């Protein structure tokens, strides 16, 4: 078939199976986020809207590439602070691309092998760029994964043709690219570039998919040239590693192109060892974390107080040099993870208007609900004002109880009608409430045990926000209500 016919058939098959629109939605959202001038809190909200995705971001932020930043990363907010919004956006895109293909994969060995190659290639690129100190590491990883998208698309939507490609490579001394051209009349680079443009990825990434002939004398003149070259070389090395499992051959291949890519032999050795660890773990178990993104043994049972204390220690360790806008998401997310909240948000007092407004929220539907969550500072006999006067966090175990229901304000019930158990933790400066952390567990009753020790730990977390405010304006005393 002609190149035009091939792509018309490919897009039609993807649309017919109903998978492409889902991926397009994910990609659009990621790059809408990337192109926006977002705060740490807004970016964290975007990632945390998908709990599974947030876990993968945290795990990758704790991988070998990021250990040089110091300290274990336990929150998305912290990951964004150390890596930056752009790196997190590209990291998220890489996860979404692989998740998409893993989710629609038929039960066939070719699919698992193609995914394994993609993961190993991404790890090689990530390790090479980290060892060299290159800031655009995750951007290069996305380009590497896109180089492998052509193989994945062939496996999922042209399985018979891909079997012919692999058979030709096994029987003759030819590359997969050469075999694809003979079988379908289209190269793997053509497929990758078309997919990048179809999914509306940035032009830099799409351009990096273009076919290029690489040699020892190749001079890389642009960033796009470098992205294309490192993606191409990493992809070739991953195919060799998965197919042959020979580290020496892979290292030799990478060293052949090291000078062109601006790498040192030491960088190559580290990358090969790191990729081989991943390759071995995937081979050992199809359910390994790097292959499917899920935790290998399920969630661990952790004491709530221990979680809170560990989170508090991290906030104190990292928070002293952060602005309030950076610190607040970290405190809120730490509270959410420690207490297993379904939803949580942070309200801040505007001293000019004397109103509390929800500025930041995590959990299902919170982004849409935030604008409606606001109340005046002046006293009203409801739970929010009682919490503001309290010397410690206020726990309401059943908001639908007859004695409590009339204390839940209408503005709140309209926004979150199903919340049953609610925690309200005031943030105070000189005995005035200037902010408040809210958390609930949806329609379920509180699934964790919260006693005095836990409430004290929560109160200590809120005090870190107060300390951040005081650091920002050490000589400013919050004005008293008139």
Protein backbone atom coordinates (compact mmCIF):
# COMPACT_ATOMS: atom_id res chain seq x y z
CA UNK A 1 0.00 0.00 0.00
CA UNK A 2 1.04 3.62 -0.44
CA UNK A 3 2.20 5.78 2.47
CA UNK A 4 -1.08 7.72 2.37
CA UNK A 5 -3.14 4.54 2.44
CA UNK A 6 -1.12 3.19 5.33
CA UNK A 7 -1.75 6.20 7.53
CA UNK A 8 -5.44 6.40 6.61
CA UNK A 9 -5.77 2.75 7.65
CA UNK A 10 -3.78 3.28 10.86
CA UNK A 11 -5.85 6.26 12.07
CA UNK A 12 -9.08 4.51 11.13
CA UNK A 13 -8.15 1.39 13.11
CA UNK A 14 -7.18 3.44 16.16
CA UNK A 15 -10.41 5.44 16.03
CA UNK A 16 -12.50 2.30 15.50
CA UNK A 17 -11.04 0.62 18.58
CA UNK A 18 -11.86 3.72 20.63
CA UNK A 19 -8.37 4.13 22.06
CA UNK A 20 -7.04 7.12 20.18
CA UNK A 21 -9.46 9.76 21.58
CA UNK A 22 -8.44 8.84 25.14
CA UNK A 23 -4.75 9.28 24.39
CA UNK A 24 -5.39 12.53 22.51
CA UNK A 25 -7.25 13.91 25.53
CA UNK A 26 -4.31 13.05 27.81
CA UNK A 27 -1.75 14.57 25.45
CA UNK A 28 -3.80 17.75 24.97
CA UNK A 29 -4.14 18.23 28.72
CA UNK A 30 -0.45 17.66 29.36
CA UNK A 31 0.68 20.23 26.81
CA UNK A 32 -2.00 22.69 27.83
CA UNK A 33 -0.40 22.42 31.26
CA UNK A 34 3.12 22.69 29.86
CA UNK A 35 2.30 25.83 27.88
CA UNK A 36 0.64 27.54 30.84
CA UNK A 37 2.40 29.59 33.50
CA UNK A 38 1.39 27.37 36.42
CA UNK A 39 2.26 27.45 40.09
CA UNK A 40 3.50 24.35 41.90
CA UNK A 41 0.03 23.92 43.39
CA UNK A 42 -1.74 24.12 40.03
CA UNK A 43 0.66 21.66 38.45
CA UNK A 44 0.31 19.30 41.42
CA UNK A 45 -3.47 19.52 41.12
CA UNK A 46 -3.22 18.48 37.48
CA UNK A 47 -1.08 15.42 38.24
CA UNK A 48 -2.94 14.45 41.42
CA UNK A 49 -6.26 14.35 39.58
CA UNK A 50 -5.07 10.88 38.54
CA UNK A 51 -3.93 9.01 41.67
CA UNK A 52 -2.26 6.23 39.70
CA UNK A 53 -0.35 8.75 37.61
CA UNK A 54 0.79 10.63 40.71
CA UNK A 55 2.25 7.43 42.17
CA UNK A 56 4.24 6.82 39.00
CA UNK A 57 5.54 10.37 38.93
CA UNK A 58 6.77 10.00 42.52
CA UNK A 59 8.40 6.63 41.78
CA UNK A 60 10.19 8.02 38.74
CA UNK A 61 11.27 11.11 40.68
CA UNK A 62 12.95 8.70 43.11
CA UNK A 63 14.74 6.81 40.35
CA UNK A 64 18.49 6.96 39.89
CA UNK A 65 18.22 10.02 37.67
CA UNK A 66 16.95 12.24 40.46
CA UNK A 67 18.75 11.00 43.57
CA UNK A 68 21.32 13.76 43.20
CA UNK A 69 18.67 16.25 44.31
CA UNK A 70 18.92 14.85 47.83
CA UNK A 71 16.28 13.27 50.03
CA UNK A 72 13.47 10.90 49.13
CA UNK A 73 10.66 12.47 47.12
CA UNK A 74 7.31 11.53 48.68
CA UNK A 75 4.95 14.13 47.17
CA UNK A 76 4.19 15.38 43.68
CA UNK A 77 4.65 18.93 44.99
CA UNK A 78 8.22 18.13 46.04
CA UNK A 79 8.89 16.39 42.70
CA UNK A 80 7.81 19.53 40.85
CA UNK A 81 10.02 21.72 43.03
CA UNK A 82 13.17 19.68 42.37
CA UNK A 83 12.50 18.80 38.73
CA UNK A 84 10.48 21.76 37.44
CA UNK A 85 7.11 21.99 35.70
CA UNK A 86 8.54 21.27 32.24
CA UNK A 87 10.34 18.09 33.31
CA UNK A 88 7.24 16.84 35.14
CA UNK A 89 5.11 17.54 32.05
CA UNK A 90 7.41 15.53 29.81
CA UNK A 91 7.70 12.79 32.42
CA UNK A 92 3.90 12.64 32.64
CA UNK A 93 3.60 12.46 28.87
CA UNK A 94 6.01 9.52 28.76
CA UNK A 95 3.96 7.71 31.39
CA UNK A 96 0.70 8.39 29.54
CA UNK A 97 2.10 7.13 26.23
CA UNK A 98 3.26 3.87 27.78
CA UNK A 99 0.09 3.46 29.86
CA UNK A 100 -2.01 3.89 26.74
CA UNK A 101 -0.30 1.09 24.89
CA UNK A 102 -0.13 -1.14 27.93
CA UNK A 103 -3.85 -0.68 28.50
CA UNK A 104 -4.85 -1.63 24.95
CA UNK A 105 -2.23 -4.34 24.48
CA UNK A 106 -3.55 -7.66 23.21
CA UNK A 107 -2.21 -10.72 24.99
CA UNK A 108 0.67 -11.31 22.64
CA UNK A 109 4.44 -11.62 23.20
CA UNK A 110 5.20 -8.98 20.52
CA UNK A 111 3.36 -6.31 22.53
CA UNK A 112 5.21 -7.07 25.74
CA UNK A 113 8.54 -7.15 23.94
CA UNK A 114 7.87 -3.81 22.22
CA UNK A 115 6.92 -2.21 25.53
CA UNK A 116 10.03 -3.64 27.15
CA UNK A 117 12.22 -2.14 24.43
CA UNK A 118 10.52 1.23 24.81
CA UNK A 119 11.05 1.24 28.57
CA UNK A 120 14.69 0.19 28.30
CA UNK A 121 15.37 2.79 25.60
CA UNK A 122 13.82 5.50 27.77
CA UNK A 123 15.96 4.40 30.71
CA UNK A 124 19.13 4.52 28.59
CA UNK A 125 18.33 8.08 27.51
CA UNK A 126 17.41 9.11 31.05
CA UNK A 127 20.66 7.68 32.45
CA UNK A 128 22.84 9.19 29.72
CA UNK A 129 21.41 12.68 30.14
CA UNK A 130 21.53 12.49 33.93
CA UNK A 131 25.14 11.39 33.98
CA UNK A 132 26.05 14.30 31.71
CA UNK A 133 23.98 16.81 33.69
CA UNK A 134 21.75 17.69 30.72
CA UNK A 135 18.61 19.54 31.81
CA UNK A 136 16.43 18.37 28.93
CA UNK A 137 16.55 14.77 30.09
CA UNK A 138 12.81 14.09 30.15
CA UNK A 139 12.32 15.84 26.81
CA UNK A 140 14.88 13.46 25.34
CA UNK A 141 13.10 10.51 26.98
CA UNK A 142 9.82 11.51 25.30
CA UNK A 143 11.60 11.64 21.94
CA UNK A 144 13.05 8.19 22.60
CA UNK A 145 9.64 6.79 23.50
CA UNK A 146 8.16 8.35 20.37
CA UNK A 147 10.81 6.57 18.30
CA UNK A 148 9.37 3.35 19.74
CA UNK A 149 5.76 4.36 19.17
CA UNK A 150 6.11 3.24 15.56
CA UNK A 151 6.90 -0.31 16.69
CA UNK A 152 4.06 -0.28 19.20
CA UNK A 153 1.60 1.02 16.61
CA UNK A 154 2.63 -1.73 14.24
CA UNK A 155 2.22 -4.41 16.93
CA UNK A 156 -1.24 -3.21 17.95
CA UNK A 157 -2.75 -2.20 14.62
CA UNK A 158 -0.75 -4.13 11.98
CA UNK A 159 0.13 -7.33 13.87
CA UNK A 160 0.40 -9.59 10.81
CA UNK A 161 2.63 -7.14 8.98
CA UNK A 162 4.83 -6.73 12.06
CA UNK A 163 5.29 -10.48 12.28
CA UNK A 164 6.54 -10.39 8.68
CA UNK A 165 8.94 -7.55 9.58
CA UNK A 166 10.39 -9.54 12.50
CA UNK A 167 10.63 -12.71 10.39
CA UNK A 168 12.56 -10.84 7.67
CA UNK A 169 14.96 -9.40 10.27
CA UNK A 170 15.55 -12.87 11.68
CA UNK A 171 16.17 -14.42 8.27
CA UNK A 172 18.20 -11.65 6.63
CA UNK A 173 20.85 -9.14 7.72
CA UNK A 174 18.50 -6.15 7.69
CA UNK A 175 17.13 -3.63 10.18
CA UNK A 176 13.52 -3.35 11.30
CA UNK A 177 13.33 -0.06 9.45
CA UNK A 178 14.46 -1.63 6.17
CA UNK A 179 12.00 -4.50 6.62
CA UNK A 180 9.12 -2.11 7.38
CA UNK A 181 9.85 -0.17 4.20
CA UNK A 182 9.73 -3.39 2.19
CA UNK A 183 6.56 -4.73 3.85
CA UNK A 184 4.51 -1.53 4.13
CA UNK A 185 6.32 1.10 2.10
CA UNK A 186 6.74 3.31 5.15
CA UNK A 187 9.66 3.67 7.57
CA UNK A 188 9.45 3.48 11.35
CA UNK A 189 10.64 7.10 11.52
CA UNK A 190 7.81 8.13 9.17
CA UNK A 191 5.30 6.45 11.49
CA UNK A 192 6.79 8.06 14.60
CA UNK A 193 6.80 11.53 13.03
CA UNK A 194 3.22 11.16 11.77
CA UNK A 195 2.05 9.99 15.21
CA UNK A 196 3.77 12.94 16.91
CA UNK A 197 2.04 15.38 14.56
CA UNK A 198 -1.29 13.55 14.82
CA UNK A 199 -1.14 13.80 18.62
CA UNK A 200 -0.19 17.49 18.34
CA UNK A 201 3.07 17.11 20.22
CA UNK A 202 5.43 20.11 20.11
CA UNK A 203 7.06 20.66 16.71
CA UNK A 204 10.51 20.10 18.24
CA UNK A 205 9.58 16.52 19.18
CA UNK A 206 7.87 15.80 15.87
CA UNK A 207 10.86 17.19 13.97
CA UNK A 208 13.21 14.99 16.00
CA UNK A 209 11.44 11.92 14.57
CA UNK A 210 12.63 12.63 11.01
CA UNK A 211 14.95 10.01 9.48
CA UNK A 212 18.63 10.86 9.89
CA UNK A 213 21.76 8.97 8.92
CA UNK A 214 24.20 8.90 11.80
CA UNK A 215 27.94 8.26 11.59
CA UNK A 216 31.08 9.04 13.57
CA UNK A 217 31.49 12.20 11.49
CA UNK A 218 27.94 13.48 12.03
CA UNK A 219 27.84 17.01 13.41
CA UNK A 220 24.76 17.88 15.48
CA UNK A 221 24.04 21.55 14.87
CA UNK A 222 20.66 22.02 16.58
CA UNK A 223 18.90 20.82 19.73
CA UNK A 224 16.44 18.95 17.52
CA UNK A 225 19.36 17.16 15.84
CA UNK A 226 20.68 16.11 19.25
CA UNK A 227 17.26 14.93 20.45
CA UNK A 228 16.82 12.86 17.31
CA UNK A 229 20.30 11.36 17.57
CA UNK A 230 20.14 10.34 21.24
CA UNK A 231 16.63 8.92 20.75
CA UNK A 232 17.75 6.94 17.70
CA UNK A 233 20.89 5.58 19.38
CA UNK A 234 19.07 4.70 22.62
CA UNK A 235 16.35 2.91 20.69
CA UNK A 236 18.92 0.88 18.75
CA UNK A 237 20.77 0.03 21.98
CA UNK A 238 17.52 -1.07 23.66
CA UNK A 239 16.66 -3.42 20.79
CA UNK A 240 20.12 -4.96 21.11
CA UNK A 241 19.88 -5.28 24.89
CA UNK A 242 16.44 -6.91 24.88
CA UNK A 243 17.23 -9.18 21.94
CA UNK A 244 20.78 -10.25 22.89
CA UNK A 245 21.19 -9.34 26.56
CA UNK A 246 24.88 -8.58 25.92
CA UNK A 247 25.98 -5.54 27.92
CA UNK A 248 29.36 -5.36 26.20
CA UNK A 249 27.77 -5.10 22.74
CA UNK A 250 25.38 -2.41 23.93
CA UNK A 251 28.20 -0.44 25.53
CA UNK A 252 30.27 -0.72 22.37
CA UNK A 253 27.37 0.57 20.27
CA UNK A 254 26.81 3.55 22.54
CA UNK A 255 30.52 4.37 22.72
CA UNK A 256 30.64 4.44 18.93
CA UNK A 257 28.27 7.43 19.04
CA UNK A 258 29.41 8.91 22.37
CA UNK A 259 31.57 11.66 20.85
CA UNK A 260 28.82 12.74 18.48
CA UNK A 261 26.34 12.95 21.40
CA UNK A 262 28.75 14.77 23.72
CA UNK A 263 29.05 11.86 26.14
CA UNK A 264 31.93 10.34 28.08
CA UNK A 265 32.69 6.59 28.27
CA UNK A 266 31.84 6.73 31.99
CA UNK A 267 28.39 8.09 31.15
CA UNK A 268 27.83 5.15 28.83
CA UNK A 269 28.87 2.54 31.40
CA UNK A 270 26.50 3.94 34.01
CA UNK A 271 23.62 4.05 31.52
CA UNK A 272 24.15 0.47 30.38
CA UNK A 273 24.24 -0.86 33.95
CA UNK A 274 21.13 1.08 34.88
CA UNK A 275 19.21 -0.06 31.81
CA UNK A 276 20.24 -3.67 32.33
CA UNK A 277 18.81 -3.62 35.86
CA UNK A 278 15.48 -2.49 34.42
CA UNK A 279 15.66 -4.96 31.55
CA UNK A 280 16.32 -7.85 33.93
CA UNK A 281 13.47 -6.87 36.25
CA UNK A 282 11.00 -6.70 33.35
CA UNK A 283 12.15 -10.03 31.99
CA UNK A 284 11.86 -11.63 35.43
CA UNK A 285 8.25 -10.63 35.86
CA UNK A 286 5.68 -9.15 33.49
CA UNK A 287 4.06 -7.58 36.53
CA UNK A 288 7.21 -5.68 37.55
CA UNK A 289 6.61 -2.06 38.49
CA UNK A 290 8.53 -0.44 35.56
CA UNK A 291 6.49 -2.41 33.03
CA UNK A 292 2.98 -1.65 34.24
CA UNK A 293 3.42 1.17 36.69
CA UNK A 294 1.68 -0.59 39.57
CA UNK A 295 3.23 -1.36 42.93
CA UNK A 296 4.52 -4.93 42.98
CA UNK A 297 3.03 -5.90 46.32
CA UNK A 298 0.13 -3.50 46.77
CA UNK A 299 -0.10 -0.74 49.36
CA UNK A 300 1.75 -1.21 52.61
CA UNK A 301 -0.12 -0.83 55.90
CA UNK A 302 1.40 2.24 57.52
CA UNK A 303 0.50 3.75 60.86
CA UNK A 304 -1.24 7.12 60.33
CA UNK A 305 0.81 8.82 63.03
CA UNK A 306 4.03 7.53 61.48
CA UNK A 307 2.92 8.88 58.10
CA UNK A 308 2.15 12.28 59.59
CA UNK A 309 5.43 12.44 61.46
CA UNK A 310 7.42 11.40 58.40
CA UNK A 311 5.62 14.00 56.30
CA UNK A 312 6.18 16.67 58.93
CA UNK A 313 9.90 15.87 59.01
CA UNK A 314 10.12 16.23 55.22
CA UNK A 315 8.19 19.51 55.23
CA UNK A 316 10.47 20.91 57.94
CA UNK A 317 13.58 19.71 56.12
CA UNK A 318 12.61 21.18 52.76
CA UNK A 319 10.27 24.01 53.68
CA UNK A 320 12.59 26.61 55.20
CA UNK A 321 13.72 27.87 51.80
CA UNK A 322 10.31 27.74 50.10
CA UNK A 323 7.78 30.46 49.45
CA UNK A 324 4.27 30.03 50.85
CA UNK A 325 2.95 29.20 47.37
CA UNK A 326 5.51 26.37 47.16
CA UNK A 327 5.17 25.20 50.75
CA UNK A 328 1.36 25.11 50.96
CA UNK A 329 0.87 22.42 48.24
CA UNK A 330 3.49 20.27 49.93
CA UNK A 331 1.75 20.51 53.32
CA UNK A 332 -1.67 19.86 51.79
CA UNK A 333 -0.50 16.87 49.76
CA UNK A 334 1.37 15.45 52.78
CA UNK A 335 -1.84 15.66 54.82
CA UNK A 336 -3.84 14.02 52.05
CA UNK A 337 -1.45 11.09 51.72
CA UNK A 338 -1.02 10.54 55.44
CA UNK A 339 -4.76 10.54 56.15
CA UNK A 340 -5.98 8.98 52.87
CA UNK A 341 -8.30 11.90 52.12
CA UNK A 342 -10.56 11.55 49.10
CA UNK A 343 -10.55 15.34 48.75
CA UNK A 344 -8.79 18.19 50.43
CA UNK A 345 -8.34 21.90 49.92
CA UNK A 346 -6.60 24.89 51.46
CA UNK A 347 -8.49 28.11 52.22
CA UNK A 348 -6.61 31.38 52.65
CA UNK A 349 -7.85 34.62 54.23
CA UNK A 350 -7.86 37.75 52.09
CA UNK A 351 -7.37 40.42 54.78
CA UNK A 352 -8.68 43.16 52.49
CA UNK A 353 -12.04 41.55 51.78
CA UNK A 354 -12.04 39.56 55.05
CA UNK A 355 -13.07 36.42 53.23
CA UNK A 356 -11.59 32.93 53.10
CA UNK A 357 -11.20 31.48 49.59
CA UNK A 358 -10.17 27.97 48.53
CA UNK A 359 -6.88 28.46 46.69
CA UNK A 360 -5.70 24.91 46.17
CA UNK A 361 -7.39 21.52 46.13
CA UNK A 362 -6.59 17.89 45.40
CA UNK A 363 -8.96 15.02 44.69
CA UNK A 364 -11.90 14.16 42.49
CA UNK A 365 -13.78 17.21 41.24
CA UNK A 366 -11.85 19.70 43.37
CA UNK A 367 -10.69 21.88 40.50
CA UNK A 368 -14.29 22.60 39.53
CA UNK A 369 -15.46 23.03 43.13
CA UNK A 370 -12.81 25.53 44.29
CA UNK A 371 -14.53 28.76 43.07
CA UNK A 372 -17.64 28.01 45.18
CA UNK A 373 -15.71 27.41 48.41
CA UNK A 374 -15.59 30.77 50.17
CA UNK A 375 -16.91 32.30 53.40
CA UNK A 376 -16.64 35.57 55.32
CA UNK A 377 -14.34 35.94 58.29
CA UNK A 378 -16.98 37.52 60.52
CA UNK A 379 -18.46 34.97 62.91
CA UNK A 380 -21.30 32.67 61.88
CA UNK A 381 -22.20 29.63 64.04
CA UNK A 382 -21.02 26.97 61.57
CA UNK A 383 -18.21 24.41 61.63
CA UNK A 384 -15.78 26.51 59.62
CA UNK A 385 -15.94 29.41 62.05
CA UNK A 386 -15.81 27.08 65.06
CA UNK A 387 -12.69 25.51 63.51
CA UNK A 388 -11.18 28.97 63.08
CA UNK A 389 -11.63 29.62 66.80
CA UNK A 390 -10.35 26.20 67.87
CA UNK A 391 -6.88 25.70 69.31
CA UNK A 392 -6.50 22.36 67.51
CA UNK A 393 -7.85 20.62 64.37
CA UNK A 394 -11.59 19.93 64.45
CA UNK A 395 -12.86 16.46 63.47
CA UNK A 396 -16.55 16.03 62.55
CA UNK A 397 -17.25 12.31 62.31
CA UNK A 398 -20.75 12.53 60.79
CA UNK A 399 -21.84 15.76 59.12
CA UNK A 400 -25.30 14.26 58.50
CA UNK A 401 -25.96 13.67 62.20
CA UNK A 402 -29.02 15.63 63.36
CA UNK A 403 -26.96 17.60 65.88
CA UNK A 404 -24.35 18.56 63.29
CA UNK A 405 -26.17 18.91 59.96
CA UNK A 406 -27.42 22.44 60.69
CA UNK A 407 -23.80 23.55 61.35
CA UNK A 408 -22.76 22.72 57.77
CA UNK A 409 -23.13 25.93 55.71
CA UNK A 410 -25.16 25.93 52.51
CA UNK A 411 -22.26 27.13 50.31
CA UNK A 412 -20.31 24.08 51.45
CA UNK A 413 -23.12 21.54 51.07
CA UNK A 414 -23.91 22.80 47.56
CA UNK A 415 -20.30 22.24 46.52
CA UNK A 416 -19.60 18.93 48.34
CA UNK A 417 -22.96 17.32 49.18
CA UNK A 418 -21.70 13.81 49.94
CA UNK A 419 -18.90 14.46 52.48
CA UNK A 420 -19.60 12.61 55.71
CA UNK A 421 -16.50 12.78 57.91
CA UNK A 422 -14.62 16.09 57.76
CA UNK A 423 -11.37 17.40 59.24
CA UNK A 424 -10.75 21.16 59.57
CA UNK A 425 -7.29 22.33 60.66
CA UNK A 426 -6.79 26.08 61.25
CA UNK A 427 -3.56 27.88 60.41
CA UNK A 428 -3.01 30.62 62.97
CA UNK A 429 -0.73 33.59 63.46
CA UNK A 430 -0.97 35.44 66.79
CA UNK A 431 -4.22 33.65 67.54
CA UNK A 432 -5.87 34.75 64.29
CA UNK A 433 -6.91 32.13 61.72
CA UNK A 434 -5.31 33.08 58.41
CA UNK A 435 -5.85 29.80 56.56
CA UNK A 436 -7.52 26.42 56.94
CA UNK A 437 -6.86 22.90 55.69
CA UNK A 438 -9.95 20.83 54.88
CA UNK A 439 -10.10 17.08 54.21
CA UNK A 440 -12.82 14.46 53.81
CA UNK A 441 -13.23 10.81 52.81
CA UNK A 442 -16.18 11.26 50.45
CA UNK A 443 -19.38 9.50 51.39
CA UNK A 444 -17.58 6.95 53.56
CA UNK A 445 -16.93 7.26 57.25
CA UNK A 446 -13.36 7.99 58.31
CA UNK A 447 -11.28 4.89 57.43
CA UNK A 448 -8.33 5.85 59.66
CA UNK A 449 -7.94 6.30 63.40
CA UNK A 450 -7.31 9.90 64.47
CA UNK A 451 -6.54 10.50 68.12
CA UNK A 452 -4.90 13.29 70.08
CA UNK A 453 -1.41 12.41 68.84
CA UNK A 454 -2.55 12.53 65.22
CA UNK A 455 -4.33 15.86 65.76
CA UNK A 456 -1.15 17.30 67.28
CA UNK A 457 0.85 16.19 64.24
CA UNK A 458 -1.71 17.76 61.90
CA UNK A 459 -1.55 20.97 63.94
CA UNK A 460 2.24 20.93 63.60
CA UNK A 461 1.88 20.65 59.82
CA UNK A 462 -0.41 23.69 59.70
CA UNK A 463 2.14 25.59 61.80
CA UNK A 464 4.65 25.18 58.99
CA UNK A 465 2.38 27.24 56.71
CA UNK A 466 2.10 29.89 59.42
CA UNK A 467 5.89 29.92 59.73
CA UNK A 468 6.18 30.36 55.97
CA UNK A 469 3.86 33.37 56.09
CA UNK A 470 5.88 34.89 58.92
CA UNK A 471 9.15 34.37 57.02
CA UNK A 472 7.66 36.20 54.05
CA UNK A 473 6.58 39.18 56.20
CA UNK A 474 8.43 38.96 59.52
CA UNK A 475 7.53 42.49 60.60
CA UNK A 476 3.94 42.41 59.53
CA UNK A 477 1.32 41.63 62.14
CA UNK A 478 -2.00 40.44 60.66
CA UNK A 479 -4.51 43.27 61.09
CA UNK A 480 -7.27 42.69 63.58
CA UNK A 481 -10.89 42.78 62.36
CA UNK A 482 -12.50 46.15 62.75
